[in-house]
PDB file of N, CA and C in Angstrom:
ATOM      1  N   MET A   1     123.678  31.609   9.587  1.00  0.00           N
ATOM      2  CA  MET A   1     122.612  33.385   9.820  1.00  0.00           C
ATOM      3  C   MET A   1     123.153  32.640  10.974  1.00  0.00           C
ATOM      4  N   VAL A   2     123.771  34.486  11.506  1.00  0.00           N
ATOM      5  CA  VAL A   2     124.089  34.095  13.145  1.00  0.00           C
ATOM      6  C   VAL A   2     123.716  35.824  13.014  1.00  0.00           C
ATOM      7  N   GLY A   3     123.162  36.135  14.797  1.00  0.00           N
ATOM      8  CA  GLY A   3     122.760  37.417  14.344  1.00  0.00           C
ATOM      9  C   GLY A   3     121.556  38.159  14.014  1.00  0.00           C
ATOM     10  N   GLY A   4     121.076  39.294  14.378  1.00  0.00           N
ATOM     11  CA  GLY A   4     119.583  40.000  13.909  1.00  0.00           C
ATOM     12  C   GLY A   4     118.542  40.015  13.885  1.00  0.00           C
ATOM     13  N   GLN A   5     117.548  39.123  13.258  1.00  0.00           N
ATOM     14  CA  GLN A   5     116.750  39.393  13.830  1.00  0.00           C
ATOM     15  C   GLN A   5     115.665  37.529  13.824  1.00  0.00           C
ATOM     16  N   ILE A   6     114.968  36.947  14.986  1.00  0.00           N
ATOM     17  CA  ILE A   6     115.030  35.445  15.223  1.00  0.00           C
ATOM     18  C   ILE A   6     113.030  36.005  14.555  1.00  0.00           C
ATOM     19  N   ASN A   7     113.367  33.951  14.558  1.00  0.00           N
ATOM     20  CA  ASN A   7     111.194  34.764  14.098  1.00  0.00           C
ATOM     21  C   ASN A   7     110.590  34.457  15.895  1.00  0.00           C
ATOM     22  N   VAL A   8     109.259  34.837  16.072  1.00  0.00           N
ATOM     23  CA  VAL A   8     108.830  33.797  17.724  1.00  0.00           C
ATOM     24  C   VAL A   8     107.315  33.737  17.128  1.00  0.00           C
ATOM     25  N   SER A   9     107.064  32.352  18.080  1.00  0.00           N
ATOM     26  CA  SER A   9     105.828  31.852  17.486  1.00  0.00           C
ATOM     27  C   SER A   9     105.169  33.046  18.083  1.00  0.00           C
ATOM     28  N   ARG A  10     103.677  32.124  18.515  1.00  0.00           N
ATOM     29  CA  ARG A  10     102.613  32.585  19.017  1.00  0.00           C
ATOM     30  C   ARG A  10     102.430  32.126  20.391  1.00  0.00           C
ATOM     31  N   SER A  11     102.939  30.965  20.895  1.00  0.00           N
ATOM     32  CA  SER A  11     103.447  30.679  22.163  1.00  0.00           C
ATOM     33  C   SER A  11     104.457  31.461  22.853  1.00  0.00           C
ATOM     34  N   ALA A  12     105.479  31.234  21.802  1.00  0.00           N
ATOM     35  CA  ALA A  12     106.557  31.770  22.481  1.00  0.00           C
ATOM     36  C   ALA A  12     105.957  33.478  22.612  1.00  0.00           C
ATOM     37  N   LEU A  13     105.391  34.329  22.340  1.00  0.00           N
ATOM     38  CA  LEU A  13     104.974  35.435  22.265  1.00  0.00           C
ATOM     39  C   LEU A  13     104.127  35.622  23.797  1.00  0.00           C
ATOM     40  N   ARG A  14     102.990  34.963  23.785  1.00  0.00           N
ATOM     41  CA  ARG A  14     101.892  34.904  24.603  1.00  0.00           C
ATOM     42  C   ARG A  14     102.552  34.353  26.093  1.00  0.00           C
ATOM     43  N   PHE A  15     103.527  33.551  26.203  1.00  0.00           N
ATOM     44  CA  PHE A  15     104.564  33.327  27.581  1.00  0.00           C
ATOM     45  C   PHE A  15     105.502  34.162  27.664  1.00  0.00           C
ATOM     46  N   MET A  16     106.208  34.370  27.243  1.00  0.00           N
ATOM     47  CA  MET A  16     107.375  35.821  27.089  1.00  0.00           C
ATOM     48  C   MET A  16     106.129  36.726  28.346  1.00  0.00           C
ATOM     49  N   GLU A  17     104.786  37.059  27.815  1.00  0.00           N
ATOM     50  CA  GLU A  17     104.574  38.476  27.783  1.00  0.00           C
ATOM     51  C   GLU A  17     103.488  38.214  29.342  1.00  0.00           C
ATOM     52  N   LYS A  18     102.710  36.584  29.411  1.00  0.00           N
ATOM     53  CA  LYS A  18     102.307  36.552  30.515  1.00  0.00           C
ATOM     54  C   LYS A  18     103.627  36.618  32.204  1.00  0.00           C
ATOM     55  N   HIS A  19     104.455  35.845  31.384  1.00  0.00           N
ATOM     56  CA  HIS A  19     106.071  36.062  32.819  1.00  0.00           C
ATOM     57  C   HIS A  19     106.396  37.370  32.552  1.00  0.00           C
ATOM     58  N   GLY A  20     106.263  37.969  31.712  1.00  0.00           N
ATOM     59  CA  GLY A  20     107.370  39.381  31.540  1.00  0.00           C
ATOM     60  C   GLY A  20     108.678  39.350  31.738  1.00  0.00           C
ATOM     61  N   ILE A  21     108.943  38.773  30.795  1.00  0.00           N
ATOM     62  CA  ILE A  21     110.365  38.238  30.165  1.00  0.00           C
ATOM     63  C   ILE A  21     110.476  38.773  29.047  1.00  0.00           C
ATOM     64  N   LYS A  22     111.602  40.145  28.810  1.00  0.00           N
ATOM     65  CA  LYS A  22     112.281  40.648  28.213  1.00  0.00           C
ATOM     66  C   LYS A  22     113.292  40.402  27.273  1.00  0.00           C
ATOM     67  N   ASP A  23     114.593  39.867  28.712  1.00  0.00           N
ATOM     68  CA  ASP A  23     115.617  38.870  28.063  1.00  0.00           C
ATOM     69  C   ASP A  23     115.422  37.270  28.130  1.00  0.00           C
ATOM     70  N   VAL A  24     115.529  36.709  27.147  1.00  0.00           N
ATOM     71  CA  VAL A  24     116.090  35.054  27.398  1.00  0.00           C
ATOM     72  C   VAL A  24     118.109  34.989  26.848  1.00  0.00           C
ATOM     73  N   THR A  25     118.282  33.765  27.347  1.00  0.00           N
ATOM     74  CA  THR A  25     119.664  33.548  26.777  1.00  0.00           C
ATOM     75  C   THR A  25     119.604  31.908  26.857  1.00  0.00           C
ATOM     76  N   PHE A  26     120.095  31.504  25.784  1.00  0.00           N
ATOM     77  CA  PHE A  26     120.338  29.420  25.522  1.00  0.00           C
ATOM     78  C   PHE A  26     120.841  29.841  26.199  1.00  0.00           C
ATOM     79  N   ARG A  27     121.327  29.267  26.892  1.00  0.00           N
ATOM     80  CA  ARG A  27     122.470  28.324  26.914  1.00  0.00           C
ATOM     81  C   ARG A  27     122.811  26.693  26.231  1.00  0.00           C
ATOM     82  N   LEU A  28     124.351  25.916  26.805  1.00  0.00           N
ATOM     83  CA  LEU A  28     124.479  24.563  26.639  1.00  0.00           C
ATOM     84  C   LEU A  28     124.607  24.011  27.820  1.00  0.00           C
ATOM     85  N   LYS A  29     123.067  23.171  28.450  1.00  0.00           N
ATOM     86  CA  LYS A  29     123.986  23.094  30.098  1.00  0.00           C
ATOM     87  C   LYS A  29     124.421  21.153  29.559  1.00  0.00           C
ATOM     88  N   VAL A  30     125.632  20.669  30.114  1.00  0.00           N
ATOM     89  CA  VAL A  30     126.620  19.497  29.677  1.00  0.00           C
ATOM     90  C   VAL A  30     126.186  19.263  31.345  1.00  0.00           C
ATOM     91  N   MET A  31     126.060  17.311  31.626  1.00  0.00           N
ATOM     92  CA  MET A  31     125.885  17.207  32.780  1.00  0.00           C
ATOM     93  C   MET A  31     126.580  15.883  32.350  1.00  0.00           C
ATOM     94  N   GLU A  32     126.689  15.647  33.930  1.00  0.00           N
ATOM     95  CA  GLU A  32     127.479  14.104  33.523  1.00  0.00           C
ATOM     96  C   GLU A  32     126.237  13.659  33.621  1.00  0.00           C
ATOM     97  N   ALA A  33     125.988  11.996  33.106  1.00  0.00           N
ATOM     98  CA  ALA A  33     124.596  10.944  33.325  1.00  0.00           C
ATOM     99  C   ALA A  33     125.189   9.429  34.775  1.00  0.00           C
ATOM    100  N   SER A  34     123.925   9.890  35.257  1.00  0.00           N
ATOM    101  CA  SER A  34     124.312   8.714  36.278  1.00  0.00           C
ATOM    102  C   SER A  34     123.975   7.449  35.848  1.00  0.00           C
ATOM    103  N   GLY A  35     124.676   6.314  35.822  1.00  0.00           N
ATOM    104  CA  GLY A  35     124.196   4.797  35.137  1.00  0.00           C
ATOM    105  C   GLY A  35     125.193   5.066  34.859  1.00  0.00           C
ATOM    106  N   CYS A  36     125.439   3.161  34.155  1.00  0.00           N
ATOM    107  CA  CYS A  36     126.217   2.536  33.438  1.00  0.00           C
ATOM    108  C   CYS A  36     126.825   2.838  32.293  1.00  0.00           C
ATOM    109  N   CYS A  37     125.826   3.186  31.093  1.00  0.00           N
ATOM    110  CA  CYS A  37     127.009   3.893  30.127  1.00  0.00           C
ATOM    111  C   CYS A  37     125.843   5.018  29.517  1.00  0.00           C
ATOM    112  N   LEU A  38     126.014   5.823  30.491  1.00  0.00           N
ATOM    113  CA  LEU A  38     125.221   7.437  29.829  1.00  0.00           C
ATOM    114  C   LEU A  38     126.718   8.095  28.816  1.00  0.00           C
ATOM    115  N   GLY A  39     126.815   8.324  30.277  1.00  0.00           N
ATOM    116  CA  GLY A  39     128.545   9.139  30.064  1.00  0.00           C
ATOM    117  C   GLY A  39     127.477  10.942  30.094  1.00  0.00           C
ATOM    118  N   ILE A  40     127.539  11.662  28.872  1.00  0.00           N
ATOM    119  CA  ILE A  40     127.326  12.889  29.671  1.00  0.00           C
ATOM    120  C   ILE A  40     126.084  13.517  28.552  1.00  0.00           C
ATOM    121  N   VAL A  41     125.485  13.917  29.426  1.00  0.00           N
ATOM    122  CA  VAL A  41     124.028  15.395  28.607  1.00  0.00           C
ATOM    123  C   VAL A  41     124.252  15.970  28.063  1.00  0.00           C
ATOM    124  N   LYS A  42     123.750  16.788  26.923  1.00  0.00           N
ATOM    125  CA  LYS A  42     123.637  17.759  26.508  1.00  0.00           C
ATOM    126  C   LYS A  42     122.526  18.088  26.118  1.00  0.00           C
ATOM    127  N   GLU A  43     121.733  19.730  26.874  1.00  0.00           N
ATOM    128  CA  GLU A  43     120.587  19.707  27.156  1.00  0.00           C
ATOM    129  C   GLU A  43     120.853  21.940  26.074  1.00  0.00           C
ATOM    130  N   ILE A  44     120.035  21.666  25.414  1.00  0.00           N
ATOM    131  CA  ILE A  44     120.093  23.580  25.104  1.00  0.00           C
ATOM    132  C   ILE A  44     118.760  24.431  26.368  1.00  0.00           C
ATOM    133  N   GLU A  45     119.465  25.108  27.238  1.00  0.00           N
ATOM    134  CA  GLU A  45     118.392  25.828  28.670  1.00  0.00           C
ATOM    135  C   GLU A  45     118.071  26.842  28.772  1.00  0.00           C
ATOM    136  N   PRO A  46     116.976  27.165  29.042  1.00  0.00           N
ATOM    137  CA  PRO A  46     116.560  28.814  28.779  1.00  0.00           C
ATOM    138  C   PRO A  46     116.658  28.762  30.192  1.00  0.00           C
ATOM    139  N   GLU A  47     117.007  30.955  29.962  1.00  0.00           N
ATOM    140  CA  GLU A  47     117.269  31.352  31.112  1.00  0.00           C
ATOM    141  C   GLU A  47     116.547  32.823  30.778  1.00  0.00           C
ATOM    142  N   TYR A  48     115.772  33.200  31.736  1.00  0.00           N
ATOM    143  CA  TYR A  48     115.016  34.200  31.829  1.00  0.00           C
ATOM    144  C   TYR A  48     115.611  35.665  32.041  1.00  0.00           C
ATOM    145  N   ARG A  49     117.260  35.203  31.377  1.00  0.00           N
ATOM    146  CA  ARG A  49     117.510  37.039  32.115  1.00  0.00           C
ATOM    147  C   ARG A  49     119.020  36.717  30.334  1.00  0.00           C
ATOM    148  N   ALA A  50     119.923  38.192  31.389  1.00  0.00           N
ATOM    149  CA  ALA A  50     120.626  38.758  29.805  1.00  0.00           C
ATOM    150  C   ALA A  50     121.980  37.886  30.147  1.00  0.00           C
ATOM    151  N   PRO A  51     122.911  37.719  29.596  1.00  0.00           N
ATOM    152  CA  PRO A  51     123.816  37.019  30.188  1.00  0.00           C
ATOM    153  C   PRO A  51     124.623  37.474  30.713  1.00  0.00           C
ATOM    154  N   LYS A  52     126.152  37.332  32.103  1.00  0.00           N
ATOM    155  CA  LYS A  52     126.250  38.474  32.113  1.00  0.00           C
ATOM    156  C   LYS A  52     127.594  39.039  31.272  1.00  0.00           C
ATOM    157  N   ASP A  53     127.894  38.184  30.439  1.00  0.00           N
ATOM    158  CA  ASP A  53     129.102  38.247  29.844  1.00  0.00           C
ATOM    159  C   ASP A  53     128.495  37.890  28.362  1.00  0.00           C
ATOM    160  N   ALA A  54     128.117  39.084  27.650  1.00  0.00           N
ATOM    161  CA  ALA A  54     127.225  38.864  26.021  1.00  0.00           C
ATOM    162  C   ALA A  54     128.290  38.006  25.219  1.00  0.00           C
ATOM    163  N   SER A  55     130.013  38.551  24.779  1.00  0.00           N
ATOM    164  CA  SER A  55     130.884  38.506  23.851  1.00  0.00           C
ATOM    165  C   SER A  55     131.021  36.594  23.656  1.00  0.00           C
ATOM    166  N   ARG A  56     130.660  36.416  24.767  1.00  0.00           N
ATOM    167  CA  ARG A  56     130.488  35.058  24.488  1.00  0.00           C
ATOM    168  C   ARG A  56     129.160  34.135  23.627  1.00  0.00           C
ATOM    169  N   TYR A  57     127.888  34.985  23.019  1.00  0.00           N
ATOM    170  CA  TYR A  57     126.595  34.791  22.615  1.00  0.00           C
ATOM    171  C   TYR A  57     126.522  35.558  21.424  1.00  0.00           C
ATOM    172  N   TYR A  58     125.398  34.501  20.381  1.00  0.00           N
ATOM    173  CA  TYR A  58     124.904  35.330  19.111  1.00  0.00           C
ATOM    174  C   TYR A  58     123.550  36.585  20.355  1.00  0.00           C
ATOM    175  N   TYR A  59     123.481  37.403  18.664  1.00  0.00           N
ATOM    176  CA  TYR A  59     122.455  38.594  20.122  1.00  0.00           C
ATOM    177  C   TYR A  59     121.964  38.695  18.631  1.00  0.00           C
ATOM    178  N   PHE A  60     120.200  38.450  19.284  1.00  0.00           N
ATOM    179  CA  PHE A  60     119.639  38.564  18.345  1.00  0.00           C
ATOM    180  C   PHE A  60     118.272  39.562  18.797  1.00  0.00           C
ATOM    181  N   ARG A  61     117.148  39.829  18.015  1.00  0.00           N
ATOM    182  CA  ARG A  61     115.501  41.078  18.602  1.00  0.00           C
ATOM    183  C   ARG A  61     114.898  40.475  17.746  1.00  0.00           C
ATOM    184  N   ALA A  62     113.865  40.240  19.018  1.00  0.00           N
ATOM    185  CA  ALA A  62     112.397  39.828  18.603  1.00  0.00           C
ATOM    186  C   ALA A  62     111.499  40.761  19.043  1.00  0.00           C
ATOM    187  N   GLY A  63     111.301  41.305  17.952  1.00  0.00           N
ATOM    188  CA  GLY A  63     110.345  42.577  19.033  1.00  0.00           C
ATOM    189  C   GLY A  63     111.847  43.652  19.650  1.00  0.00           C
ATOM    190  N   ASP A  64     111.192  43.570  20.475  1.00  0.00           N
ATOM    191  CA  ASP A  64     111.450  44.881  21.664  1.00  0.00           C
ATOM    192  C   ASP A  64     112.373  43.646  22.830  1.00  0.00           C
ATOM    193  N   ARG A  65     112.659  42.748  22.545  1.00  0.00           N
ATOM    194  CA  ARG A  65     113.287  41.883  23.335  1.00  0.00           C
ATOM    195  C   ARG A  65     114.320  40.853  22.861  1.00  0.00           C
ATOM    196  N   HIS A  66     115.206  40.455  23.355  1.00  0.00           N
ATOM    197  CA  HIS A  66     116.457  40.154  23.380  1.00  0.00           C
ATOM    198  C   HIS A  66     116.780  39.263  22.968  1.00  0.00           C
ATOM    199  N   VAL A  67     117.362  38.155  22.241  1.00  0.00           N
ATOM    200  CA  VAL A  67     118.077  37.116  22.484  1.00  0.00           C
ATOM    201  C   VAL A  67     119.221  36.473  22.398  1.00  0.00           C
ATOM    202  N   PHE A  68     119.738  35.869  22.800  1.00  0.00           N
ATOM    203  CA  PHE A  68     121.097  35.592  23.457  1.00  0.00           C
ATOM    204  C   PHE A  68     121.481  33.861  23.054  1.00  0.00           C
ATOM    205  N   VAL A  69     122.217  33.608  22.616  1.00  0.00           N
ATOM    206  CA  VAL A  69     122.439  32.464  22.470  1.00  0.00           C
ATOM    207  C   VAL A  69     123.491  31.748  22.157  1.00  0.00           C
ATOM    208  N   SER A  70     124.189  30.713  23.632  1.00  0.00           N
ATOM    209  CA  SER A  70     125.765  30.694  22.724  1.00  0.00           C
ATOM    210  C   SER A  70     126.215  30.243  22.215  1.00  0.00           C
ATOM    211  N   ARG A  71     127.275  30.522  21.313  1.00  0.00           N
ATOM    212  CA  ARG A  71     127.797  30.601  20.722  1.00  0.00           C
ATOM    213  C   ARG A  71     128.660  28.908  20.302  1.00  0.00           C
ATOM    214  N   GLU A  72     128.239  27.761  21.736  1.00  0.00           N
ATOM    215  CA  GLU A  72     128.618  27.029  21.650  1.00  0.00           C
ATOM    216  C   GLU A  72     127.047  26.025  20.930  1.00  0.00           C
ATOM    217  N   ILE A  73     126.437  26.647  20.754  1.00  0.00           N
ATOM    218  CA  ILE A  73     124.951  25.521  20.473  1.00  0.00           C
ATOM    219  C   ILE A  73     125.500  25.764  18.787  1.00  0.00           C
ATOM    220  N   LYS A  74     125.056  24.805  17.918  1.00  0.00           N
ATOM    221  CA  LYS A  74     124.954  24.726  16.849  1.00  0.00           C
ATOM    222  C   LYS A  74     124.011  25.106  15.370  1.00  0.00           C
ATOM    223  N   ILE A  75     123.901  26.560  15.133  1.00  0.00           N
ATOM    224  CA  ILE A  75     122.574  26.783  14.504  1.00  0.00           C
ATOM    225  C   ILE A  75     122.621  26.295  12.657  1.00  0.00           C
ATOM    226  N   LEU A  76     120.941  25.467  12.740  1.00  0.00           N
ATOM    227  CA  LEU A  76     121.561  24.652  11.699  1.00  0.00           C
ATOM    228  C   LEU A  76     120.125  25.732  10.029  1.00  0.00           C
ATOM    229  N   GLY A  77     119.788  26.670  10.696  1.00  0.00           N
ATOM    230  CA  GLY A  77     119.440  27.644   9.716  1.00  0.00           C
ATOM    231  C   GLY A  77     118.804  28.700  10.649  1.00  0.00           C
ATOM    232  N   ARG A  78     117.586  29.537   9.575  1.00  0.00           N
ATOM    233  CA  ARG A  78     116.850  30.200  10.678  1.00  0.00           C
ATOM    234  C   ARG A  78     116.419  29.592  12.031  1.00  0.00           C
ATOM    235  N   LEU A  79     116.338  30.889  12.461  1.00  0.00           N
ATOM    236  CA  LEU A  79     116.063  30.417  14.326  1.00  0.00           C
ATOM    237  C   LEU A  79     114.851  30.787  14.421  1.00  0.00           C
ATOM    238  N   THR A  80     113.254  29.602  15.339  1.00  0.00           N
ATOM    239  CA  THR A  80     112.533  30.245  15.848  1.00  0.00           C
ATOM    240  C   THR A  80     112.259  29.622  16.911  1.00  0.00           C
ATOM    241  N   LEU A  81     112.051  31.223  17.993  1.00  0.00           N
ATOM    242  CA  LEU A  81     111.472  30.985  19.584  1.00  0.00           C
ATOM    243  C   LEU A  81     110.528  30.076  19.562  1.00  0.00           C
ATOM    244  N   THR A  82     110.280  29.032  19.894  1.00  0.00           N
ATOM    245  CA  THR A  82     108.947  28.524  20.890  1.00  0.00           C
ATOM    246  C   THR A  82     108.870  28.305  21.980  1.00  0.00           C
ATOM    247  N   THR A  83     107.865  27.120  22.209  1.00  0.00           N
ATOM    248  CA  THR A  83     107.558  26.997  23.773  1.00  0.00           C
ATOM    249  C   THR A  83     107.273  25.587  23.459  1.00  0.00           C
ATOM    250  N   GLU A  84     108.017  24.773  24.878  1.00  0.00           N
ATOM    251  CA  GLU A  84     107.487  23.213  24.837  1.00  0.00           C
ATOM    252  C   GLU A  84     107.610  22.729  26.258  1.00  0.00           C
ATOM    253  N   GLY A  85     107.081  20.995  26.024  1.00  0.00           N
ATOM    254  CA  GLY A  85     106.809  21.100  27.921  1.00  0.00           C
ATOM    255  C   GLY A  85     104.703  21.429  27.759  1.00  0.00           C
ATOM    256  N   ILE A  86     104.267  21.045  28.792  1.00  0.00           N
ATOM    257  CA  ILE A  86     102.633  21.562  29.413  1.00  0.00           C
ATOM    258  C   ILE A  86     102.439  22.347  30.224  1.00  0.00           C
ATOM    259  N   TRP A  87     101.920  21.993  30.476  1.00  0.00           N
ATOM    260  CA  TRP A  87     101.216  22.836  31.520  1.00  0.00           C
ATOM    261  C   TRP A  87     102.161  23.818  32.448  1.00  0.00           C
ATOM    262  N   LYS A  88     102.446  23.263  33.628  1.00  0.00           N
ATOM    263  CA  LYS A  88     103.645  24.877  34.790  1.00  0.00           C
ATOM    264  C   LYS A  88     105.123  24.107  33.955  1.00  0.00           C
ATOM    265  N   MET A  89     105.737  22.959  33.790  1.00  0.00           N
ATOM    266  CA  MET A  89     106.183  22.664  32.978  1.00  0.00           C
ATOM    267  C   MET A  89     107.084  23.324  31.386  1.00  0.00           C
ATOM    268  N   ARG A  90     105.553  24.536  30.998  1.00  0.00           N
ATOM    269  CA  ARG A  90     106.566  24.581  29.987  1.00  0.00           C
ATOM    270  C   ARG A  90     107.454  25.678  30.180  1.00  0.00           C
ATOM    271  N   ARG A  91     108.597  26.070  28.697  1.00  0.00           N
ATOM    272  CA  ARG A  91     109.412  26.772  28.687  1.00  0.00           C
ATOM    273  C   ARG A  91     109.490  27.299  27.030  1.00  0.00           C
ATOM    274  N   LEU A  92     110.702  27.809  27.244  1.00  0.00           N
ATOM    275  CA  LEU A  92     110.892  28.094  25.919  1.00  0.00           C
ATOM    276  C   LEU A  92     112.274  27.291  24.968  1.00  0.00           C
ATOM    277  N   ALA A  93     111.554  27.309  24.118  1.00  0.00           N
ATOM    278  CA  ALA A  93     112.752  26.364  23.105  1.00  0.00           C
ATOM    279  C   ALA A  93     113.229  27.285  21.627  1.00  0.00           C
ATOM    280  N   LEU A  94     114.347  26.577  21.483  1.00  0.00           N
ATOM    281  CA  LEU A  94     115.005  27.624  20.294  1.00  0.00           C
ATOM    282  C   LEU A  94     114.566  26.126  19.080  1.00  0.00           C
ATOM    283  N   ASP A  95     114.083  26.620  18.314  1.00  0.00           N
ATOM    284  CA  ASP A  95     114.022  25.781  17.083  1.00  0.00           C
ATOM    285  C   ASP A  95     115.069  26.311  15.683  1.00  0.00           C
ATOM    286  N   GLY A  96     115.527  25.237  15.378  1.00  0.00           N
ATOM    287  CA  GLY A  96     116.567  25.915  14.426  1.00  0.00           C
ATOM    288  C   GLY A  96     118.305  25.820  14.585  1.00  0.00           C
ATOM    289  N   ALA A  97     118.249  25.164  15.968  1.00  0.00           N
ATOM    290  CA  ALA A  97     119.753  25.390  16.171  1.00  0.00           C
ATOM    291  C   ALA A  97     120.045  23.297  17.144  1.00  0.00           C
ATOM    292  N   THR A  98     120.645  23.036  17.553  1.00  0.00           N
ATOM    293  CA  THR A  98     120.756  21.866  18.185  1.00  0.00           C
ATOM    294  C   THR A  98     122.564  21.424  18.745  1.00  0.00           C
ATOM    295  N   ILE A  99     121.842  20.727  19.781  1.00  0.00           N
ATOM    296  CA  ILE A  99     123.395  20.634  20.753  1.00  0.00           C
ATOM    297  C   ILE A  99     124.866  19.769  19.526  1.00  0.00           C
ATOM    298  N   PRO A 100     126.205  20.437  19.624  1.00  0.00           N
ATOM    299  CA  PRO A 100     127.019  20.211  19.034  1.00  0.00           C
ATOM    300  C   PRO A 100     127.271  18.388  19.358  1.00  0.00           C
ATOM    301  N   LEU A 101     127.686  17.727  18.906  1.00  0.00           N
ATOM    302  CA  LEU A 101     127.975  16.458  18.953  1.00  0.00           C
ATOM    303  C   LEU A 101     129.476  16.508  20.117  1.00  0.00           C
TER     304      LEU A 101
END
């Protein structure tokens, strides 16, 4: 399923309300890992704004909020907006998606 509605956990809703977030973009961040044999590290990273070019993103609605997911991210099934991390390191996360191999 791509596009349409997205589930939102209570913790994600509270996080978005607390921080005034109306738009969130999940992009695939690719980094060169330093060290002996690590190579490339990939991570799904949230940005709390809409993308400049939305044509490279899937679009989902979460009530009055807008969620954009990079087409580079592999969607496994029904998506849920959640939170991850602790205290000041807390951020939005995307359940139901993974990084491509």
